[in-house]
Protein backbone atom coordinates (compact mmCIF):
# COMPACT_ATOMS: atom_id res chain seq x y z
CA UNK A 1 -19.26 -9.96 -5.52
CA UNK A 2 -18.09 -13.28 -5.04
CA UNK A 3 -16.47 -15.07 -1.60
CA UNK A 4 -13.36 -16.17 -3.97
CA UNK A 5 -12.38 -12.27 -4.89
CA UNK A 6 -12.54 -11.31 -1.05
CA UNK A 7 -10.49 -14.59 -0.05
CA UNK A 8 -7.72 -12.73 -2.20
CA UNK A 9 -8.01 -9.51 -0.60
CA UNK A 10 -8.16 -10.82 2.19
CA UNK A 11 -4.52 -13.20 1.40
CA UNK A 12 -2.96 -9.64 0.32
CA UNK A 13 -3.42 -7.94 3.30
CA UNK A 14 -1.90 -10.65 5.26
CA UNK A 15 1.38 -11.13 2.95
CA UNK A 16 2.15 -7.80 2.85
CA UNK A 17 1.01 -7.38 6.94
CA UNK A 18 3.60 -10.26 7.16
CA UNK A 19 6.14 -8.35 5.53
CA UNK A 20 5.79 -5.67 8.57
CA UNK A 21 3.48 -3.17 6.91
CA UNK A 22 -0.03 -1.53 7.95
CA UNK A 23 -2.19 -1.87 5.60
CA UNK A 24 -4.23 1.91 6.70
CA UNK A 25 -6.81 1.63 3.00
CA UNK A 26 -7.85 -0.97 1.71
CA UNK A 27 -9.97 -1.20 -1.64
CA UNK A 28 -11.18 -3.78 -3.79
CA UNK A 29 -13.61 -3.10 -6.95
CA UNK A 30 -15.51 -6.10 -8.95
CA UNK A 31 -16.30 -5.18 -12.73
CA UNK A 32 -15.93 -6.92 -16.23
CA UNK A 33 -13.71 -6.35 -18.52
CA UNK A 34 -14.33 -3.90 -21.40
CA UNK A 35 -11.37 -5.83 -22.95
CA UNK A 36 -12.05 -8.98 -22.86
CA UNK A 37 -15.02 -11.03 -25.01
CA UNK A 38 -14.97 -13.86 -21.23
CA UNK A 39 -18.03 -13.65 -19.51
CA UNK A 40 -15.63 -13.89 -16.33
CA UNK A 41 -15.50 -11.13 -13.49
CA UNK A 42 -12.50 -8.83 -13.01
CA UNK A 43 -11.57 -7.82 -9.29
CA UNK A 44 -8.97 -5.01 -8.84
CA UNK A 45 -6.51 -4.39 -5.27
CA UNK A 46 -5.42 -0.81 -4.23
CA UNK A 47 -3.55 -1.34 -0.80
CA UNK A 48 -2.20 1.44 0.80
CA UNK A 49 0.11 0.58 3.96
CA UNK A 50 2.94 2.28 6.14
CA UNK A 51 5.85 1.11 7.64
CA UNK A 52 8.07 3.42 9.50
CA UNK A 53 12.14 3.71 9.10
CA UNK A 54 14.25 3.74 12.43
CA UNK A 55 16.29 7.13 10.50
CA UNK A 56 19.82 7.46 11.51
CA UNK A 57 21.23 9.48 13.65
CA UNK A 58 23.86 10.73 11.89
CA UNK A 59 21.61 11.72 8.48
CA UNK A 60 19.22 14.22 11.18
CA UNK A 61 22.93 15.82 11.65
CA UNK A 62 23.40 16.12 8.11
CA UNK A 63 19.64 17.57 7.55
CA UNK A 64 19.55 20.48 10.09
CA UNK A 65 23.00 21.66 9.36
CA UNK A 66 21.92 22.11 5.45
CA UNK A 67 21.29 25.81 5.58
CA UNK A 68 17.24 24.98 4.41
CA UNK A 69 15.77 28.39 5.71
CA UNK A 70 11.63 26.55 5.02
CA UNK A 71 13.36 23.45 6.32
CA UNK A 72 11.88 22.61 10.48
CA UNK A 73 13.68 22.25 13.08
């Protein structure tokens, strides 16, 4: 895996975190493409991130009154 791939991965994480997301998992895979005749390697980056959203109090009240017997209260 070359330094350019790792630098790109770090840049993607920085962009996501700048938007208020918390990166919780990260994976990079480097490989030679089976579909291209080029000798240049490719990379796939998988990023898992979470971001909490504040709920609307009115919506929470509506959920409590929906009559769903499986909903935890």
